[in-house]
Amino acid sequence: MKQLQNLTDEPIQRHTILFEQSEIKFVLRFYPRTSVWLFDAEFGNKSVFGLKLSVGVLHMLSQNQPFDFVCLDRSGNGVDPFTRQDFSAGRCEIYLLEAADMKLIRGVEVQF
């Protein structure tokens, strides 16, 4: 499990995550009107767009990818990220789960 670094309070953030001799393109967006953070992820020839970040949820469970993302609330309240400062202030963190992490959670090997 690897914590995503350099998350700021910018409303649109683009990150490249090195993964298995390739890269994941990760775009994080904040929508102030609805107070919600969404993300896009591209890996290989597969993409997902507009997934809402929710605390404690495996976001890519049905996407058949060798990784997933999980958001944690470090305040202990279990509240989804809803302000621009949630990541920059450290209240919320995003982690990349690799295949070994997903096997521990799901109890089966990741098939993709």
N, C-alpha and C. Protein backbone atom coordinates (compact mmCIF):
# COMPACT_ATOMS: atom_id res chain seq x y z
N MET A 1 0.86 -1.16 0.00
CA MET A 1 0.00 0.00 0.00
C MET A 1 0.91 1.23 0.00
N LYS A 2 0.73 2.08 -0.99
CA LYS A 2 1.57 3.26 -1.12
C LYS A 2 0.71 4.53 -1.08
N GLN A 3 1.10 5.45 -0.21
CA GLN A 3 0.37 6.71 -0.11
C GLN A 3 0.72 7.59 -1.30
N LEU A 4 -0.29 8.19 -1.92
CA LEU A 4 -0.04 9.16 -2.99
C LEU A 4 0.50 10.43 -2.36
N GLN A 5 1.60 10.90 -2.90
CA GLN A 5 2.28 12.08 -2.38
C GLN A 5 1.93 13.32 -3.20
N ASN A 6 2.24 14.45 -2.66
CA ASN A 6 2.10 15.74 -3.35
C ASN A 6 0.67 16.11 -3.71
N LEU A 7 -0.30 15.65 -2.92
CA LEU A 7 -1.68 16.08 -3.13
C LEU A 7 -1.83 17.46 -2.50
N THR A 8 -2.43 18.37 -3.23
CA THR A 8 -2.54 19.75 -2.79
C THR A 8 -4.01 20.14 -2.68
N ASP A 9 -4.25 21.46 -2.53
CA ASP A 9 -5.62 21.95 -2.53
C ASP A 9 -6.03 22.51 -3.89
N GLU A 10 -5.21 22.27 -4.92
CA GLU A 10 -5.58 22.69 -6.27
C GLU A 10 -6.81 21.91 -6.72
N PRO A 11 -7.76 22.57 -7.39
CA PRO A 11 -9.00 21.87 -7.77
C PRO A 11 -8.82 20.83 -8.87
N ILE A 12 -7.78 20.95 -9.69
CA ILE A 12 -7.48 19.95 -10.71
C ILE A 12 -6.01 19.58 -10.56
N GLN A 13 -5.76 18.30 -10.31
CA GLN A 13 -4.39 17.82 -10.10
C GLN A 13 -4.13 16.61 -10.99
N ARG A 14 -2.99 16.63 -11.67
CA ARG A 14 -2.60 15.50 -12.51
C ARG A 14 -1.35 14.86 -11.91
N HIS A 15 -1.42 13.54 -11.74
CA HIS A 15 -0.31 12.81 -11.16
C HIS A 15 -0.01 11.59 -12.03
N THR A 16 1.26 11.25 -12.13
CA THR A 16 1.69 10.03 -12.80
C THR A 16 2.27 9.12 -11.74
N ILE A 17 1.72 7.91 -11.66
CA ILE A 17 2.13 6.94 -10.65
C ILE A 17 2.83 5.79 -11.35
N LEU A 18 4.08 5.55 -11.00
CA LEU A 18 4.81 4.42 -11.57
C LEU A 18 4.26 3.13 -11.00
N PHE A 19 3.96 2.19 -11.91
CA PHE A 19 3.34 0.93 -11.49
C PHE A 19 3.71 -0.17 -12.48
N GLU A 20 4.35 -1.23 -12.00
CA GLU A 20 4.68 -2.41 -12.81
C GLU A 20 5.30 -2.06 -14.16
N GLN A 21 6.39 -1.38 -14.16
CA GLN A 21 7.11 -0.95 -15.36
C GLN A 21 6.24 -0.16 -16.34
N SER A 22 5.22 0.45 -15.81
CA SER A 22 4.34 1.30 -16.61
C SER A 22 3.92 2.46 -15.73
N GLU A 23 2.83 3.12 -16.08
CA GLU A 23 2.36 4.23 -15.26
C GLU A 23 0.85 4.33 -15.26
N ILE A 24 0.35 4.83 -14.16
CA ILE A 24 -1.08 5.14 -14.02
C ILE A 24 -1.20 6.65 -14.09
N LYS A 25 -2.07 7.12 -14.95
CA LYS A 25 -2.35 8.56 -15.00
C LYS A 25 -3.56 8.79 -14.10
N PHE A 26 -3.38 9.63 -13.11
CA PHE A 26 -4.38 9.86 -12.07
C PHE A 26 -4.71 11.35 -12.04
N VAL A 27 -5.97 11.68 -12.27
CA VAL A 27 -6.41 13.08 -12.24
C VAL A 27 -7.42 13.22 -11.11
N LEU A 28 -7.16 14.16 -10.23
CA LEU A 28 -8.02 14.42 -9.07
C LEU A 28 -8.69 15.77 -9.28
N ARG A 29 -10.03 15.81 -9.12
CA ARG A 29 -10.78 17.05 -9.34
C ARG A 29 -11.68 17.36 -8.15
N PHE A 30 -11.70 18.65 -7.78
CA PHE A 30 -12.61 19.10 -6.73
C PHE A 30 -13.71 19.94 -7.37
N TYR A 31 -14.95 19.66 -6.99
CA TYR A 31 -16.12 20.41 -7.48
C TYR A 31 -16.73 21.16 -6.31
N PRO A 32 -16.48 22.47 -6.20
CA PRO A 32 -16.92 23.23 -5.04
C PRO A 32 -18.45 23.33 -4.91
N ARG A 33 -19.15 23.34 -6.02
CA ARG A 33 -20.61 23.47 -5.97
C ARG A 33 -21.24 22.32 -5.21
N THR A 34 -20.67 21.12 -5.37
CA THR A 34 -21.21 19.94 -4.69
C THR A 34 -20.31 19.44 -3.56
N SER A 35 -19.19 20.13 -3.34
CA SER A 35 -18.22 19.76 -2.29
C SER A 35 -17.82 18.29 -2.38
N VAL A 36 -17.31 17.91 -3.54
CA VAL A 36 -16.95 16.52 -3.77
C VAL A 36 -15.63 16.44 -4.54
N TRP A 37 -14.85 15.41 -4.25
CA TRP A 37 -13.64 15.09 -4.99
C TRP A 37 -13.92 13.88 -5.87
N LEU A 38 -13.56 13.96 -7.15
CA LEU A 38 -13.68 12.85 -8.09
C LEU A 38 -12.31 12.57 -8.69
N PHE A 39 -12.13 11.37 -9.22
CA PHE A 39 -10.87 11.08 -9.89
C PHE A 39 -11.07 10.29 -11.17
N ASP A 40 -10.09 10.42 -12.06
CA ASP A 40 -9.98 9.63 -13.28
C ASP A 40 -8.69 8.82 -13.15
N ALA A 41 -8.67 7.63 -13.74
CA ALA A 41 -7.45 6.82 -13.76
C ALA A 41 -7.34 6.13 -15.12
N GLU A 42 -6.13 6.18 -15.68
CA GLU A 42 -5.84 5.51 -16.94
C GLU A 42 -4.65 4.59 -16.74
N PHE A 43 -4.80 3.35 -17.18
CA PHE A 43 -3.70 2.38 -17.10
C PHE A 43 -3.83 1.45 -18.30
N GLY A 44 -2.76 1.36 -19.07
CA GLY A 44 -2.82 0.53 -20.27
C GLY A 44 -3.87 1.07 -21.21
N ASN A 45 -4.76 0.21 -21.65
CA ASN A 45 -5.82 0.64 -22.56
C ASN A 45 -7.17 0.80 -21.86
N LYS A 46 -7.15 0.88 -20.53
CA LYS A 46 -8.39 1.03 -19.76
C LYS A 46 -8.40 2.36 -19.02
N SER A 47 -9.57 2.96 -18.96
CA SER A 47 -9.75 4.24 -18.27
C SER A 47 -11.05 4.24 -17.48
N VAL A 48 -11.03 4.95 -16.37
CA VAL A 48 -12.26 5.22 -15.62
C VAL A 48 -12.30 6.72 -15.38
N PHE A 49 -13.50 7.27 -15.40
CA PHE A 49 -13.66 8.71 -15.26
C PHE A 49 -14.74 9.04 -14.23
N GLY A 50 -14.47 10.05 -13.44
CA GLY A 50 -15.48 10.60 -12.54
C GLY A 50 -15.89 9.72 -11.38
N LEU A 51 -14.95 8.95 -10.82
CA LEU A 51 -15.28 8.15 -9.64
C LEU A 51 -15.18 9.02 -8.39
N LYS A 52 -16.23 9.02 -7.58
CA LYS A 52 -16.26 9.83 -6.36
C LYS A 52 -15.40 9.18 -5.30
N LEU A 53 -14.53 9.99 -4.68
CA LEU A 53 -13.71 9.48 -3.59
C LEU A 53 -14.55 9.36 -2.32
N SER A 54 -14.60 8.16 -1.79
CA SER A 54 -15.33 7.89 -0.56
C SER A 54 -14.39 7.16 0.40
N VAL A 55 -14.48 7.49 1.65
CA VAL A 55 -13.60 6.93 2.66
C VAL A 55 -13.86 5.43 2.83
N GLY A 56 -12.76 4.65 2.81
CA GLY A 56 -12.83 3.22 3.08
C GLY A 56 -13.40 2.36 1.98
N VAL A 57 -13.57 2.90 0.78
CA VAL A 57 -14.19 2.16 -0.32
C VAL A 57 -13.12 1.75 -1.33
N LEU A 58 -13.21 0.52 -1.83
CA LEU A 58 -12.38 0.12 -2.96
C LEU A 58 -13.05 0.67 -4.22
N HIS A 59 -12.41 1.60 -4.87
CA HIS A 59 -13.05 2.34 -5.95
C HIS A 59 -13.02 1.64 -7.30
N MET A 60 -12.09 0.72 -7.51
CA MET A 60 -11.94 0.11 -8.82
C MET A 60 -12.28 -1.37 -8.80
N LEU A 61 -13.06 -1.79 -7.84
CA LEU A 61 -13.37 -3.20 -7.62
C LEU A 61 -13.90 -3.88 -8.88
N SER A 62 -14.73 -3.21 -9.64
CA SER A 62 -15.33 -3.82 -10.82
C SER A 62 -14.59 -3.47 -12.11
N GLN A 63 -13.43 -2.84 -12.02
CA GLN A 63 -12.73 -2.38 -13.21
C GLN A 63 -11.71 -3.38 -13.76
N ASN A 64 -11.49 -4.50 -13.06
CA ASN A 64 -10.56 -5.54 -13.49
C ASN A 64 -9.16 -4.98 -13.76
N GLN A 65 -8.64 -4.28 -12.77
CA GLN A 65 -7.30 -3.71 -12.83
C GLN A 65 -6.44 -4.36 -11.75
N PRO A 66 -5.11 -4.36 -11.92
CA PRO A 66 -4.23 -4.96 -10.91
C PRO A 66 -3.93 -4.02 -9.74
N PHE A 67 -4.76 -3.04 -9.54
CA PHE A 67 -4.56 -2.06 -8.46
C PHE A 67 -5.92 -1.49 -8.08
N ASP A 68 -5.92 -0.75 -6.98
CA ASP A 68 -7.13 -0.03 -6.56
C ASP A 68 -6.68 1.18 -5.76
N PHE A 69 -7.60 2.06 -5.48
CA PHE A 69 -7.34 3.23 -4.66
C PHE A 69 -8.28 3.21 -3.47
N VAL A 70 -7.77 3.61 -2.32
CA VAL A 70 -8.60 3.75 -1.13
C VAL A 70 -8.29 5.09 -0.48
N CYS A 71 -9.32 5.75 0.01
CA CYS A 71 -9.19 7.04 0.69
C CYS A 71 -9.42 6.80 2.18
N LEU A 72 -8.54 7.36 3.00
CA LEU A 72 -8.68 7.22 4.45
C LEU A 72 -8.86 8.58 5.10
N ASP A 73 -9.70 8.63 6.11
CA ASP A 73 -9.93 9.86 6.89
C ASP A 73 -9.11 9.76 8.17
N ARG A 74 -8.03 10.52 8.26
CA ARG A 74 -7.12 10.46 9.39
C ARG A 74 -7.68 11.14 10.65
N SER A 75 -8.81 11.84 10.52
CA SER A 75 -9.41 12.46 11.70
C SER A 75 -10.18 11.43 12.52
N GLY A 76 -10.45 10.26 11.91
CA GLY A 76 -11.18 9.22 12.61
C GLY A 76 -12.69 9.36 12.56
N ASN A 77 -13.18 10.36 11.84
CA ASN A 77 -14.63 10.58 11.77
C ASN A 77 -15.32 9.81 10.66
N GLY A 78 -14.55 9.29 9.70
CA GLY A 78 -15.13 8.54 8.59
C GLY A 78 -15.88 9.40 7.60
N VAL A 79 -15.51 10.66 7.49
CA VAL A 79 -16.20 11.60 6.59
C VAL A 79 -15.46 11.68 5.26
N ASP A 80 -16.19 11.55 4.16
CA ASP A 80 -15.60 11.67 2.83
C ASP A 80 -14.95 13.03 2.65
N PRO A 81 -13.92 13.13 1.80
CA PRO A 81 -13.32 14.44 1.55
C PRO A 81 -14.35 15.39 0.92
N PHE A 82 -14.46 16.59 1.47
CA PHE A 82 -15.47 17.53 0.98
C PHE A 82 -14.98 18.97 0.92
N THR A 83 -13.74 19.25 1.35
CA THR A 83 -13.20 20.60 1.22
C THR A 83 -11.94 20.54 0.38
N ARG A 84 -11.56 21.67 -0.19
CA ARG A 84 -10.34 21.72 -1.00
C ARG A 84 -9.10 21.39 -0.18
N GLN A 85 -9.12 21.63 1.11
CA GLN A 85 -7.95 21.44 1.95
C GLN A 85 -7.84 20.04 2.56
N ASP A 86 -8.78 19.17 2.30
CA ASP A 86 -8.78 17.86 2.95
C ASP A 86 -7.48 17.08 2.73
N PHE A 87 -6.89 17.16 1.54
CA PHE A 87 -5.65 16.43 1.27
C PHE A 87 -4.42 17.23 1.67
N SER A 88 -4.42 18.52 1.38
CA SER A 88 -3.25 19.34 1.71
C SER A 88 -3.08 19.49 3.22
N ALA A 89 -4.17 19.49 3.97
CA ALA A 89 -4.10 19.61 5.43
C ALA A 89 -3.87 18.26 6.12
N GLY A 90 -3.95 17.17 5.35
CA GLY A 90 -3.68 15.85 5.91
C GLY A 90 -4.87 15.16 6.55
N ARG A 91 -6.07 15.74 6.45
CA ARG A 91 -7.24 15.06 7.02
C ARG A 91 -7.53 13.77 6.25
N CYS A 92 -7.38 13.82 4.94
CA CYS A 92 -7.62 12.65 4.11
C CYS A 92 -6.35 12.29 3.34
N GLU A 93 -6.19 11.00 3.08
CA GLU A 93 -5.06 10.49 2.31
C GLU A 93 -5.59 9.47 1.31
N ILE A 94 -4.90 9.37 0.17
CA ILE A 94 -5.24 8.37 -0.85
C ILE A 94 -4.08 7.40 -0.94
N TYR A 95 -4.43 6.11 -0.99
CA TYR A 95 -3.42 5.06 -1.10
C TYR A 95 -3.67 4.24 -2.35
N LEU A 96 -2.57 3.83 -2.99
CA LEU A 96 -2.61 2.88 -4.10
C LEU A 96 -2.46 1.49 -3.51
N LEU A 97 -3.41 0.63 -3.79
CA LEU A 97 -3.33 -0.77 -3.36
C LEU A 97 -2.83 -1.59 -4.54
N GLU A 98 -1.78 -2.36 -4.30
CA GLU A 98 -1.24 -3.21 -5.34
C GLU A 98 -1.87 -4.61 -5.23
N ALA A 99 -1.51 -5.48 -6.15
CA ALA A 99 -2.13 -6.81 -6.22
C ALA A 99 -2.02 -7.57 -4.90
N ALA A 100 -0.86 -7.51 -4.23
CA ALA A 100 -0.70 -8.22 -2.96
C ALA A 100 -1.63 -7.67 -1.88
N ASP A 101 -1.82 -6.35 -1.86
CA ASP A 101 -2.75 -5.73 -0.90
C ASP A 101 -4.17 -6.17 -1.19
N MET A 102 -4.52 -6.22 -2.47
CA MET A 102 -5.88 -6.59 -2.85
C MET A 102 -6.16 -8.06 -2.53
N LYS A 103 -5.14 -8.92 -2.64
CA LYS A 103 -5.32 -10.33 -2.29
C LYS A 103 -5.64 -10.46 -0.81
N LEU A 104 -4.96 -9.69 0.04
CA LEU A 104 -5.24 -9.73 1.48
C LEU A 104 -6.66 -9.28 1.78
N ILE A 105 -7.13 -8.27 1.07
CA ILE A 105 -8.47 -7.73 1.31
C ILE A 105 -9.55 -8.66 0.76
N ARG A 106 -9.38 -9.09 -0.49
CA ARG A 106 -10.40 -9.90 -1.16
C ARG A 106 -10.33 -11.38 -0.82
N GLY A 107 -9.10 -11.86 -0.49
CA GLY A 107 -8.93 -13.27 -0.19
C GLY A 107 -8.67 -14.13 -1.40
N VAL A 108 -8.57 -13.52 -2.58
CA VAL A 108 -8.28 -14.27 -3.82
C VAL A 108 -7.27 -13.46 -4.64
N GLU A 109 -6.57 -14.18 -5.53
CA GLU A 109 -5.62 -13.52 -6.42
C GLU A 109 -6.36 -12.56 -7.34
N VAL A 110 -5.69 -11.49 -7.70
CA VAL A 110 -6.24 -10.54 -8.64
C VAL A 110 -6.07 -11.09 -10.05
N GLN A 111 -7.14 -11.19 -10.80
CA GLN A 111 -7.13 -11.69 -12.17
C GLN A 111 -7.44 -10.53 -13.10
N PHE A 112 -6.56 -10.29 -14.07
CA PHE A 112 -6.84 -9.22 -15.04
C PHE A 112 -6.37 -9.61 -16.41
